[in-house]
């Protein structure tokens, strides 16, 4: 068994890396799209919506409900990209160690 002090030191180092990663994630932006790019949304790494762009073509006789659905789809696309990026960054910090479901860092 490893020395308890060594384990605590590793945990602190991982916590520091996690805090650094969280700061970097707020600067990351991912763009999702729907309707062949007619609606795009941009979210930061924390999942906060930053920008919505809608092609003017959608307002030429299109139903408002279609535009609403495309916005929701684009948000889902951007969120999936943010989550994939976060998982990739997390694996870098944890060295590929898979954390049990529901366990979050920092502790």
N, C-alpha and C. Protein backbone atom coordinates (compact mmCIF):
# COMPACT_ATOMS: atom_id res chain seq x y z
N UNK A 1 0.85 -1.20 0.00
CA UNK A 1 0.00 0.00 0.00
C UNK A 1 0.88 1.25 0.00
N UNK A 2 0.48 2.24 -0.77
CA UNK A 2 1.24 3.48 -0.86
C UNK A 2 1.16 4.25 0.45
N UNK A 3 2.14 5.06 0.66
CA UNK A 3 2.18 5.93 1.81
C UNK A 3 0.99 6.89 1.74
N UNK A 4 0.30 7.06 2.85
CA UNK A 4 -0.89 7.93 2.90
C UNK A 4 -0.55 9.36 2.50
N UNK A 5 0.60 9.84 2.92
CA UNK A 5 1.03 11.18 2.55
C UNK A 5 1.20 11.33 1.05
N UNK A 6 1.69 10.29 0.42
CA UNK A 6 1.88 10.30 -1.03
C UNK A 6 0.53 10.33 -1.75
N UNK A 7 -0.42 9.58 -1.23
CA UNK A 7 -1.76 9.54 -1.82
C UNK A 7 -2.43 10.91 -1.68
N UNK A 8 -2.28 11.54 -0.51
CA UNK A 8 -2.87 12.86 -0.30
C UNK A 8 -2.24 13.89 -1.23
N UNK A 9 -0.93 13.79 -1.42
CA UNK A 9 -0.24 14.72 -2.32
C UNK A 9 -0.76 14.56 -3.74
N UNK A 10 -0.95 13.32 -4.18
CA UNK A 10 -1.48 13.07 -5.53
C UNK A 10 -2.90 13.61 -5.66
N UNK A 11 -3.70 13.46 -4.61
CA UNK A 11 -5.08 13.97 -4.64
C UNK A 11 -5.07 15.50 -4.75
N UNK A 12 -4.18 16.15 -4.04
CA UNK A 12 -4.09 17.61 -4.10
C UNK A 12 -3.63 18.06 -5.48
N UNK A 13 -2.68 17.35 -6.06
CA UNK A 13 -2.22 17.68 -7.41
C UNK A 13 -3.35 17.54 -8.42
N UNK A 14 -4.14 16.47 -8.27
CA UNK A 14 -5.26 16.26 -9.18
C UNK A 14 -6.29 17.36 -9.01
N UNK A 15 -6.52 17.77 -7.76
CA UNK A 15 -7.49 18.83 -7.51
C UNK A 15 -7.02 20.13 -8.15
N UNK A 16 -5.74 20.43 -8.06
CA UNK A 16 -5.19 21.64 -8.68
C UNK A 16 -5.37 21.57 -10.19
N UNK A 17 -5.08 20.42 -10.78
CA UNK A 17 -5.25 20.24 -12.22
C UNK A 17 -6.71 20.41 -12.62
N UNK A 18 -7.62 19.91 -11.79
CA UNK A 18 -9.05 20.05 -12.07
C UNK A 18 -9.47 21.51 -12.05
N UNK A 19 -8.98 22.27 -11.09
CA UNK A 19 -9.32 23.69 -11.03
C UNK A 19 -8.78 24.43 -12.25
N UNK A 20 -7.56 24.10 -12.66
CA UNK A 20 -7.00 24.70 -13.88
C UNK A 20 -7.85 24.36 -15.09
N UNK A 21 -8.28 23.10 -15.18
CA UNK A 21 -9.09 22.66 -16.31
C UNK A 21 -10.42 23.41 -16.34
N UNK A 22 -11.04 23.60 -15.17
CA UNK A 22 -12.31 24.30 -15.12
C UNK A 22 -12.17 25.74 -15.57
N UNK A 23 -11.06 26.39 -15.23
CA UNK A 23 -10.82 27.76 -15.68
C UNK A 23 -10.66 27.81 -17.19
N UNK A 24 -9.94 26.82 -17.74
CA UNK A 24 -9.75 26.77 -19.18
C UNK A 24 -11.06 26.50 -19.91
N UNK A 25 -11.92 25.68 -19.31
CA UNK A 25 -13.19 25.35 -19.95
C UNK A 25 -14.09 26.57 -20.13
N UNK A 26 -14.00 27.53 -19.22
CA UNK A 26 -14.84 28.72 -19.38
C UNK A 26 -14.45 29.52 -20.61
N UNK A 27 -13.20 29.34 -21.08
CA UNK A 27 -12.74 30.05 -22.28
C UNK A 27 -13.02 29.28 -23.56
N UNK A 28 -13.29 27.98 -23.45
CA UNK A 28 -13.55 27.14 -24.63
C UNK A 28 -14.96 27.43 -25.14
N UNK A 29 -15.10 27.52 -26.45
CA UNK A 29 -16.42 27.69 -27.04
C UNK A 29 -16.62 26.64 -28.12
N UNK A 30 -17.79 26.04 -28.14
CA UNK A 30 -18.18 25.05 -29.13
C UNK A 30 -19.44 25.54 -29.82
N UNK A 31 -19.51 25.32 -31.13
CA UNK A 31 -20.66 25.75 -31.90
C UNK A 31 -21.41 24.52 -32.40
N UNK A 32 -22.70 24.52 -32.17
CA UNK A 32 -23.57 23.45 -32.67
C UNK A 32 -24.48 24.03 -33.74
N UNK A 33 -24.94 23.16 -34.62
CA UNK A 33 -25.80 23.65 -35.70
C UNK A 33 -26.93 22.68 -35.96
N UNK A 34 -27.94 23.19 -36.63
CA UNK A 34 -29.10 22.38 -37.02
C UNK A 34 -29.66 22.97 -38.31
N UNK A 35 -30.43 22.16 -39.02
CA UNK A 35 -31.05 22.63 -40.25
C UNK A 35 -30.03 22.99 -41.31
N UNK A 36 -29.02 22.12 -41.47
CA UNK A 36 -27.96 22.34 -42.46
C UNK A 36 -27.25 23.68 -42.25
N UNK A 37 -27.07 24.04 -40.97
CA UNK A 37 -26.36 25.27 -40.64
C UNK A 37 -27.22 26.51 -40.63
N UNK A 38 -28.52 26.36 -40.79
CA UNK A 38 -29.39 27.54 -40.80
C UNK A 38 -29.54 28.14 -39.41
N UNK A 39 -29.33 27.31 -38.37
CA UNK A 39 -29.33 27.79 -36.99
C UNK A 39 -28.04 27.31 -36.35
N UNK A 40 -27.29 28.23 -35.75
CA UNK A 40 -26.10 27.85 -35.01
C UNK A 40 -26.13 28.49 -33.64
N UNK A 41 -25.62 27.76 -32.66
CA UNK A 41 -25.52 28.30 -31.31
C UNK A 41 -24.10 28.03 -30.82
N UNK A 42 -23.62 28.92 -29.97
CA UNK A 42 -22.29 28.77 -29.40
C UNK A 42 -22.44 28.74 -27.88
N UNK A 43 -21.79 27.72 -27.28
CA UNK A 43 -21.78 27.57 -25.82
C UNK A 43 -20.34 27.54 -25.34
N UNK A 44 -20.15 27.99 -24.10
CA UNK A 44 -18.81 27.86 -23.53
C UNK A 44 -18.69 26.48 -22.88
N UNK A 45 -17.51 26.20 -22.33
CA UNK A 45 -17.24 24.89 -21.74
C UNK A 45 -18.06 24.59 -20.51
N UNK A 46 -18.71 25.59 -19.97
CA UNK A 46 -19.58 25.39 -18.81
C UNK A 46 -21.03 25.17 -19.23
N UNK A 47 -21.27 25.15 -20.54
CA UNK A 47 -22.62 24.92 -21.03
C UNK A 47 -23.49 26.17 -21.08
N UNK A 48 -22.87 27.34 -20.95
CA UNK A 48 -23.62 28.59 -21.01
C UNK A 48 -23.75 29.03 -22.46
N UNK A 49 -24.96 29.35 -22.86
CA UNK A 49 -25.23 29.80 -24.23
C UNK A 49 -24.64 31.18 -24.43
N UNK A 50 -23.82 31.34 -25.47
CA UNK A 50 -23.15 32.60 -25.73
C UNK A 50 -23.68 33.33 -26.95
N UNK A 51 -24.14 32.58 -27.97
CA UNK A 51 -24.57 33.24 -29.20
C UNK A 51 -25.55 32.35 -29.94
N UNK A 52 -26.51 32.97 -30.59
CA UNK A 52 -27.46 32.29 -31.47
C UNK A 52 -27.46 33.03 -32.80
N UNK A 53 -27.32 32.29 -33.90
CA UNK A 53 -27.40 32.89 -35.23
C UNK A 53 -28.45 32.12 -36.02
N UNK A 54 -29.35 32.88 -36.66
CA UNK A 54 -30.42 32.29 -37.44
C UNK A 54 -30.36 32.86 -38.85
N UNK A 55 -30.34 31.97 -39.83
CA UNK A 55 -30.30 32.40 -41.23
C UNK A 55 -31.59 33.13 -41.57
N UNK A 56 -31.51 34.26 -42.25
CA UNK A 56 -32.72 35.00 -42.65
C UNK A 56 -33.65 34.16 -43.54
N UNK A 57 -33.11 33.15 -44.21
CA UNK A 57 -33.93 32.28 -45.06
C UNK A 57 -35.06 31.60 -44.28
N UNK A 58 -34.85 31.38 -43.00
CA UNK A 58 -35.86 30.70 -42.19
C UNK A 58 -37.12 31.54 -42.01
N UNK A 59 -37.01 32.82 -42.22
CA UNK A 59 -38.16 33.70 -42.00
C UNK A 59 -38.95 34.00 -43.27
N UNK A 60 -38.61 33.31 -44.34
CA UNK A 60 -39.35 33.47 -45.59
C UNK A 60 -40.47 32.44 -45.65
N UNK A 61 -41.52 32.70 -44.89
CA UNK A 61 -42.69 31.83 -44.91
C UNK A 61 -42.59 30.60 -44.02
N UNK A 62 -41.48 30.42 -43.32
CA UNK A 62 -41.35 29.26 -42.45
C UNK A 62 -42.17 29.46 -41.18
N UNK A 63 -42.56 28.36 -40.64
CA UNK A 63 -43.32 28.36 -39.41
C UNK A 63 -42.39 28.65 -38.23
N UNK A 64 -42.84 29.44 -37.28
CA UNK A 64 -42.04 29.77 -36.10
C UNK A 64 -41.65 28.51 -35.34
N UNK A 65 -42.52 27.52 -35.30
CA UNK A 65 -42.22 26.28 -34.58
C UNK A 65 -41.00 25.57 -35.16
N UNK A 66 -40.79 25.65 -36.47
CA UNK A 66 -39.62 25.04 -37.10
C UNK A 66 -38.36 25.71 -36.58
N UNK A 67 -38.36 27.03 -36.52
CA UNK A 67 -37.20 27.77 -36.02
C UNK A 67 -36.94 27.39 -34.56
N UNK A 68 -37.98 27.33 -33.77
CA UNK A 68 -37.82 26.96 -32.36
C UNK A 68 -37.21 25.56 -32.23
N UNK A 69 -37.68 24.62 -33.03
CA UNK A 69 -37.14 23.26 -32.99
C UNK A 69 -35.67 23.23 -33.41
N UNK A 70 -35.32 24.04 -34.41
CA UNK A 70 -33.94 24.07 -34.86
C UNK A 70 -33.02 24.67 -33.79
N UNK A 71 -33.49 25.65 -33.06
CA UNK A 71 -32.70 26.24 -31.97
C UNK A 71 -32.44 25.18 -30.90
N UNK A 72 -33.46 24.45 -30.54
CA UNK A 72 -33.30 23.39 -29.55
C UNK A 72 -32.31 22.34 -30.04
N UNK A 73 -32.42 21.94 -31.30
CA UNK A 73 -31.50 20.95 -31.87
C UNK A 73 -30.07 21.46 -31.90
N UNK A 74 -29.87 22.72 -32.26
CA UNK A 74 -28.53 23.30 -32.30
C UNK A 74 -27.93 23.37 -30.89
N UNK A 75 -28.75 23.71 -29.91
CA UNK A 75 -28.27 23.73 -28.51
C UNK A 75 -27.84 22.33 -28.08
N UNK A 76 -28.61 21.34 -28.44
CA UNK A 76 -28.25 19.96 -28.11
C UNK A 76 -26.94 19.55 -28.75
N UNK A 77 -26.72 19.96 -29.99
CA UNK A 77 -25.49 19.66 -30.71
C UNK A 77 -24.29 20.34 -30.03
N UNK A 78 -24.44 21.60 -29.67
CA UNK A 78 -23.35 22.31 -29.00
C UNK A 78 -23.06 21.70 -27.64
N UNK A 79 -24.09 21.34 -26.90
CA UNK A 79 -23.90 20.74 -25.57
C UNK A 79 -23.17 19.41 -25.68
N UNK A 80 -23.51 18.60 -26.66
CA UNK A 80 -22.83 17.32 -26.86
C UNK A 80 -21.35 17.54 -27.15
N UNK A 81 -21.03 18.57 -27.93
CA UNK A 81 -19.63 18.87 -28.24
C UNK A 81 -18.89 19.34 -26.99
N UNK A 82 -19.55 20.15 -26.18
CA UNK A 82 -18.93 20.63 -24.93
C UNK A 82 -18.66 19.45 -24.01
N UNK A 83 -19.63 18.54 -23.87
CA UNK A 83 -19.45 17.39 -23.00
C UNK A 83 -18.34 16.47 -23.50
N UNK A 84 -18.23 16.28 -24.81
CA UNK A 84 -17.17 15.45 -25.37
C UNK A 84 -15.81 16.09 -25.09
N UNK A 85 -15.74 17.41 -25.24
CA UNK A 85 -14.48 18.12 -24.97
C UNK A 85 -14.11 18.00 -23.49
N UNK A 86 -15.09 18.16 -22.61
CA UNK A 86 -14.85 18.05 -21.18
C UNK A 86 -14.35 16.65 -20.83
N UNK A 87 -14.95 15.62 -21.41
CA UNK A 87 -14.53 14.25 -21.14
C UNK A 87 -13.09 14.03 -21.59
N UNK A 88 -12.74 14.60 -22.73
CA UNK A 88 -11.38 14.47 -23.24
C UNK A 88 -10.39 15.17 -22.30
N UNK A 89 -10.73 16.36 -21.87
CA UNK A 89 -9.86 17.10 -20.95
C UNK A 89 -9.76 16.39 -19.60
N UNK A 90 -10.86 15.83 -19.15
CA UNK A 90 -10.88 15.11 -17.87
C UNK A 90 -9.95 13.90 -17.94
N UNK A 91 -9.95 13.19 -19.06
CA UNK A 91 -9.10 12.02 -19.16
C UNK A 91 -7.61 12.41 -19.16
N UNK A 92 -7.31 13.62 -19.65
CA UNK A 92 -5.93 14.10 -19.59
C UNK A 92 -5.52 14.36 -18.14
N UNK A 93 -6.44 14.93 -17.36
CA UNK A 93 -6.14 15.27 -15.97
C UNK A 93 -6.02 14.01 -15.12
N UNK A 94 -6.90 13.06 -15.35
CA UNK A 94 -6.92 11.86 -14.51
C UNK A 94 -6.02 10.76 -15.04
N UNK A 95 -5.35 11.02 -16.15
CA UNK A 95 -4.46 10.01 -16.72
C UNK A 95 -5.21 8.80 -17.22
N UNK A 96 -6.44 9.00 -17.67
CA UNK A 96 -7.24 7.89 -18.19
C UNK A 96 -8.01 7.15 -17.12
N UNK A 97 -7.82 7.51 -15.85
CA UNK A 97 -8.52 6.86 -14.75
C UNK A 97 -10.01 7.17 -14.86
N UNK A 98 -10.82 6.17 -14.92
CA UNK A 98 -12.25 6.36 -14.99
C UNK A 98 -12.82 6.49 -13.58
N UNK A 99 -13.47 7.62 -13.31
CA UNK A 99 -14.07 7.83 -12.00
C UNK A 99 -15.41 7.11 -11.94
N UNK A 100 -15.77 6.62 -10.75
CA UNK A 100 -17.07 5.96 -10.62
C UNK A 100 -18.20 6.93 -10.95
N UNK A 101 -19.31 6.43 -11.50
CA UNK A 101 -20.44 7.32 -11.82
C UNK A 101 -20.88 8.11 -10.60
N UNK A 102 -21.12 9.39 -10.81
CA UNK A 102 -21.59 10.25 -9.74
C UNK A 102 -20.47 10.89 -8.94
N UNK A 103 -19.24 10.39 -9.08
CA UNK A 103 -18.12 10.98 -8.35
C UNK A 103 -17.60 12.17 -9.14
N UNK A 104 -17.49 13.29 -8.44
CA UNK A 104 -17.04 14.51 -9.10
C UNK A 104 -15.80 15.03 -8.41
N UNK A 105 -14.94 15.63 -9.22
CA UNK A 105 -13.77 16.29 -8.69
C UNK A 105 -13.91 17.78 -8.95
N UNK A 106 -13.39 18.68 -8.15
CA UNK A 106 -12.65 18.39 -6.93
C UNK A 106 -13.56 17.86 -5.85
N UNK A 107 -12.96 17.19 -4.90
CA UNK A 107 -13.69 16.44 -3.86
C UNK A 107 -14.60 17.28 -3.05
